[in-house]
Amino acid sequence: MTAPQRLTDRKREAIIQAAITEFRANGFEVTSMDKIAATAGVSKRTVYNHFPSKEELFAEILNQLWARISAEQSVVYNRDQPLRDQLRQMLQAKVQLMADENFLTLARVAIAATIHSPERAQNMVERMGEREEGLTVWIRAAQADGRLKAVDPEFAAHQVQGLLKTFGFWPQMSMGRAALDVEMQNTVAESALEMFLACYQR
């Protein structure tokens, strides 16, 4: 029973990887389920057994993107630790994620597929916003503890994340630049950290 399950999982993963390849090369609208099946080396029936439509297959790719984004939101506010140490951990995790080629590939697929579909783009932005809630929650907790100045937590979270994305995400998405190396990741994270604390720490 476990062997067929493993085979099914392998086929499902092959379909997802083939879809990422095709979506990235040809865009969402042009890519067909036939082409995805051929690239994955499986039958069209097998593709539809796993994903009833191209939209659901694309949704699964987005789900993997959301999972990667949420995986780095693991820091819970701790009143006994310096703010600098806690925030550094979150920001470094985020720039490391943005330097991951698998993440960048998924992000390129998602963005390319939403350019011509405002509804799809809105859904993507909303879901990404939900996944970034961890930093907002952390800021709110630090404010409640009297350690950060009064500011809209969501605004401040977007602000500091924007500092990271300016160097580690948008140039890679829009201009094809290489992912940040470790030294630049640390530079970007530390700079954003210093600016945030200089502005908002009590």
Protein backbone atom coordinates (compact mmCIF):
# COMPACT_ATOMS: atom_id res chain seq x y z
CA MET A 1 0.00 0.00 0.00
CA THR A 2 2.84 2.41 0.78
CA ALA A 3 4.74 1.76 -2.48
CA PRO A 4 1.85 2.83 -4.75
CA GLN A 5 1.36 5.86 -2.51
CA ARG A 6 4.99 6.84 -2.97
CA LEU A 7 4.60 6.43 -6.73
CA THR A 8 1.50 8.62 -6.64
CA ASP A 9 3.37 11.26 -4.66
CA ARG A 10 6.26 11.14 -7.14
CA LYS A 11 3.89 11.61 -10.06
CA ARG A 12 2.15 14.48 -8.31
CA GLU A 13 5.48 16.20 -7.66
CA ALA A 14 6.57 15.58 -11.27
CA ILE A 15 3.36 17.25 -12.46
CA ILE A 16 3.91 20.27 -10.20
CA GLN A 17 7.52 20.68 -11.31
CA ALA A 18 6.51 20.31 -14.97
CA ALA A 19 3.81 22.93 -14.49
CA ILE A 20 6.30 25.35 -12.91
CA THR A 21 8.63 24.80 -15.88
CA GLU A 22 5.89 25.34 -18.45
CA PHE A 23 4.24 28.27 -16.69
CA ARG A 24 7.61 29.98 -16.33
CA ALA A 25 8.57 29.39 -19.97
CA ASN A 26 5.23 30.07 -21.64
CA GLY A 27 2.96 31.80 -19.14
CA PHE A 28 -0.29 30.64 -17.61
CA GLU A 29 -2.62 31.28 -20.54
CA VAL A 30 -0.53 29.51 -23.19
CA THR A 31 0.42 26.47 -21.11
CA SER A 32 -1.85 23.48 -21.67
CA MET A 33 -2.51 20.44 -19.52
CA ASP A 34 -1.34 18.33 -22.49
CA LYS A 35 2.05 20.03 -22.45
CA ILE A 36 2.34 19.67 -18.68
CA ALA A 37 1.57 15.95 -18.96
CA ALA A 38 4.21 15.51 -21.68
CA THR A 39 6.84 17.41 -19.69
CA ALA A 40 6.03 15.39 -16.55
CA GLY A 41 6.18 12.12 -18.47
CA VAL A 42 2.69 11.07 -17.39
CA SER A 43 -0.64 10.67 -19.13
CA LYS A 44 -3.12 13.50 -19.39
CA ARG A 45 -5.53 11.36 -17.37
CA THR A 46 -2.97 11.17 -14.54
CA VAL A 47 -2.65 14.97 -14.53
CA TYR A 48 -6.43 15.38 -14.27
CA ASN A 49 -6.62 12.72 -11.56
CA HIS A 50 -4.40 14.93 -9.42
CA PHE A 51 -5.62 18.33 -10.59
CA PRO A 52 -9.10 18.70 -12.15
CA SER A 53 -8.13 21.96 -13.87
CA LYS A 54 -5.18 24.15 -14.77
CA GLU A 55 -6.44 26.69 -12.23
CA GLU A 56 -6.27 24.11 -9.42
CA LEU A 57 -2.78 23.10 -10.49
CA PHE A 58 -1.70 26.72 -10.42
CA ALA A 59 -3.35 27.12 -7.01
CA GLU A 60 -1.19 24.27 -5.71
CA ILE A 61 1.92 26.06 -6.96
CA LEU A 62 0.77 29.16 -5.10
CA ASN A 63 0.13 27.05 -2.00
CA GLN A 64 3.75 25.93 -2.10
CA LEU A 65 4.79 29.56 -2.38
CA TRP A 66 2.64 30.51 0.63
CA ALA A 67 4.08 27.57 2.59
CA ARG A 68 7.61 28.80 1.95
CA ILE A 69 6.69 32.33 2.99
CA SER A 70 4.99 31.18 6.19
CA ALA A 71 7.80 28.81 7.15
CA GLU A 72 10.05 31.74 8.12
CA GLN A 73 7.41 33.32 10.35
CA SER A 74 8.46 31.36 13.41
CA VAL A 75 9.60 34.06 15.84
CA VAL A 76 7.18 34.71 18.69
CA TYR A 77 7.65 37.92 20.67
CA ASN A 78 9.70 37.39 23.82
CA ARG A 79 9.77 40.22 26.37
CA ASP A 80 12.98 38.80 27.89
CA GLN A 81 15.00 39.04 24.68
CA PRO A 82 16.42 42.18 23.04
CA LEU A 83 14.23 43.47 20.21
CA ARG A 84 17.30 43.60 17.99
CA ASP A 85 17.96 39.87 18.31
CA GLN A 86 14.35 38.90 17.66
CA LEU A 87 13.89 41.18 14.67
CA ARG A 88 17.27 40.20 13.20
CA GLN A 89 16.19 36.56 13.23
CA MET A 90 12.99 37.36 11.31
CA LEU A 91 14.62 39.65 8.77
CA GLN A 92 17.52 37.29 8.09
CA ALA A 93 15.06 34.42 7.58
CA LYS A 94 13.17 36.54 5.07
CA VAL A 95 16.19 37.57 3.00
CA GLN A 96 17.42 33.97 3.05
CA LEU A 97 14.05 32.86 1.73
CA MET A 98 14.17 35.47 -1.02
CA ALA A 99 17.60 34.16 -2.05
CA ASP A 100 16.25 30.61 -2.45
CA GLU A 101 16.05 29.80 -6.18
CA ASN A 102 13.03 27.53 -5.67
CA PHE A 103 11.18 30.37 -3.98
CA LEU A 104 12.17 32.83 -6.71
CA THR A 105 11.01 30.39 -9.39
CA LEU A 106 7.62 29.98 -7.75
CA ALA A 107 7.31 33.73 -7.28
CA ARG A 108 8.12 34.39 -10.95
CA VAL A 109 5.48 31.88 -12.03
CA ALA A 110 2.90 33.44 -9.72
CA ILE A 111 3.62 37.02 -10.78
CA ALA A 112 3.72 36.21 -14.49
CA ALA A 113 0.39 34.42 -14.25
CA THR A 114 -1.30 37.32 -12.48
CA ILE A 115 -0.23 40.14 -14.80
CA HIS A 116 -3.20 39.65 -17.12
CA SER A 117 -5.67 38.67 -14.43
CA PRO A 118 -6.46 41.38 -11.84
CA GLU A 119 -8.66 38.96 -9.92
CA ARG A 120 -5.88 36.39 -9.68
CA ALA A 121 -3.39 39.10 -8.72
CA GLN A 122 -5.65 40.42 -5.96
CA ASN A 123 -6.04 36.93 -4.54
CA MET A 124 -2.28 36.41 -4.57
CA VAL A 125 -1.56 39.71 -2.83
CA GLU A 126 -4.21 39.04 -0.19
CA ARG A 127 -2.84 35.59 0.55
CA MET A 128 0.74 36.84 0.69
CA GLY A 129 -0.42 39.53 3.10
CA GLU A 130 -1.95 36.88 5.33
CA ARG A 131 1.30 34.95 5.38
CA GLU A 132 3.28 38.01 6.41
CA GLU A 133 1.03 38.56 9.43
CA GLY A 134 3.69 37.08 11.75
CA LEU A 135 5.78 40.26 11.74
CA THR A 136 2.68 42.40 12.29
CA VAL A 137 1.75 40.30 15.32
CA TRP A 138 5.30 40.61 16.66
CA ILE A 139 5.26 44.42 16.28
CA ARG A 140 1.87 44.64 18.00
CA ALA A 141 3.14 42.55 20.93
CA ALA A 142 6.28 44.68 21.30
CA GLN A 143 4.10 47.82 21.32
CA ALA A 144 1.84 46.35 24.00
CA ASP A 145 4.96 45.71 26.05
CA GLY A 146 5.94 49.39 25.71
CA ARG A 147 9.08 48.71 23.67
CA LEU A 148 7.99 50.14 20.32
CA LYS A 149 6.40 53.51 19.55
CA ALA A 150 2.78 53.87 18.51
CA VAL A 151 2.46 53.08 14.80
CA ASP A 152 0.08 50.97 12.73
CA PRO A 153 1.68 47.51 13.06
CA GLU A 154 0.68 46.48 9.55
CA PHE A 155 2.15 49.67 8.09
CA ALA A 156 5.43 49.19 9.95
CA ALA A 157 5.62 45.53 8.92
CA HIS A 158 5.11 46.36 5.24
CA GLN A 159 7.62 49.16 5.56
CA VAL A 160 10.47 47.00 6.82
CA GLN A 161 9.60 44.15 4.45
CA GLY A 162 9.68 46.66 1.62
CA LEU A 163 13.26 47.53 2.52
CA LEU A 164 14.21 43.86 2.08
CA LYS A 165 12.25 43.37 -1.14
CA THR A 166 13.82 46.44 -2.76
CA PHE A 167 17.13 44.57 -2.83
CA GLY A 168 16.24 40.89 -2.54
CA PHE A 169 13.01 40.39 -4.46
CA TRP A 170 11.91 42.99 -7.01
CA PRO A 171 15.23 43.27 -8.91
CA GLN A 172 15.21 39.47 -9.22
CA MET A 173 11.60 39.48 -10.41
CA SER A 174 11.69 42.44 -12.80
CA MET A 175 15.29 42.59 -14.02
CA GLY A 176 16.47 39.00 -13.69
CA ARG A 177 19.22 39.82 -11.23
CA ALA A 178 20.91 37.05 -9.29
CA ALA A 179 19.77 36.19 -5.79
CA LEU A 180 21.61 37.99 -3.02
CA ASP A 181 24.76 36.29 -1.75
CA VAL A 182 25.17 35.69 1.98
CA GLU A 183 27.19 38.86 2.57
CA MET A 184 24.61 41.04 0.83
CA GLN A 185 21.76 39.26 2.64
CA ASN A 186 23.35 40.22 5.96
CA THR A 187 23.97 43.80 4.79
CA VAL A 188 20.37 44.28 3.67
CA ALA A 189 18.91 42.68 6.81
CA GLU A 190 21.12 44.70 9.17
CA SER A 191 20.38 47.96 7.38
CA ALA A 192 16.62 47.36 7.53
CA LEU A 193 16.97 46.39 11.19
CA GLU A 194 18.83 49.57 12.09
CA MET A 195 16.36 51.79 10.24
CA PHE A 196 13.35 50.13 11.84
CA LEU A 197 14.72 50.37 15.39
CA ALA A 198 15.94 53.94 14.89
CA CYS A 199 12.44 54.93 13.84
CA TYR A 200 10.26 52.91 16.21
CA GLN A 201 12.16 51.65 19.25
CA ARG A 202 11.41 53.48 22.50
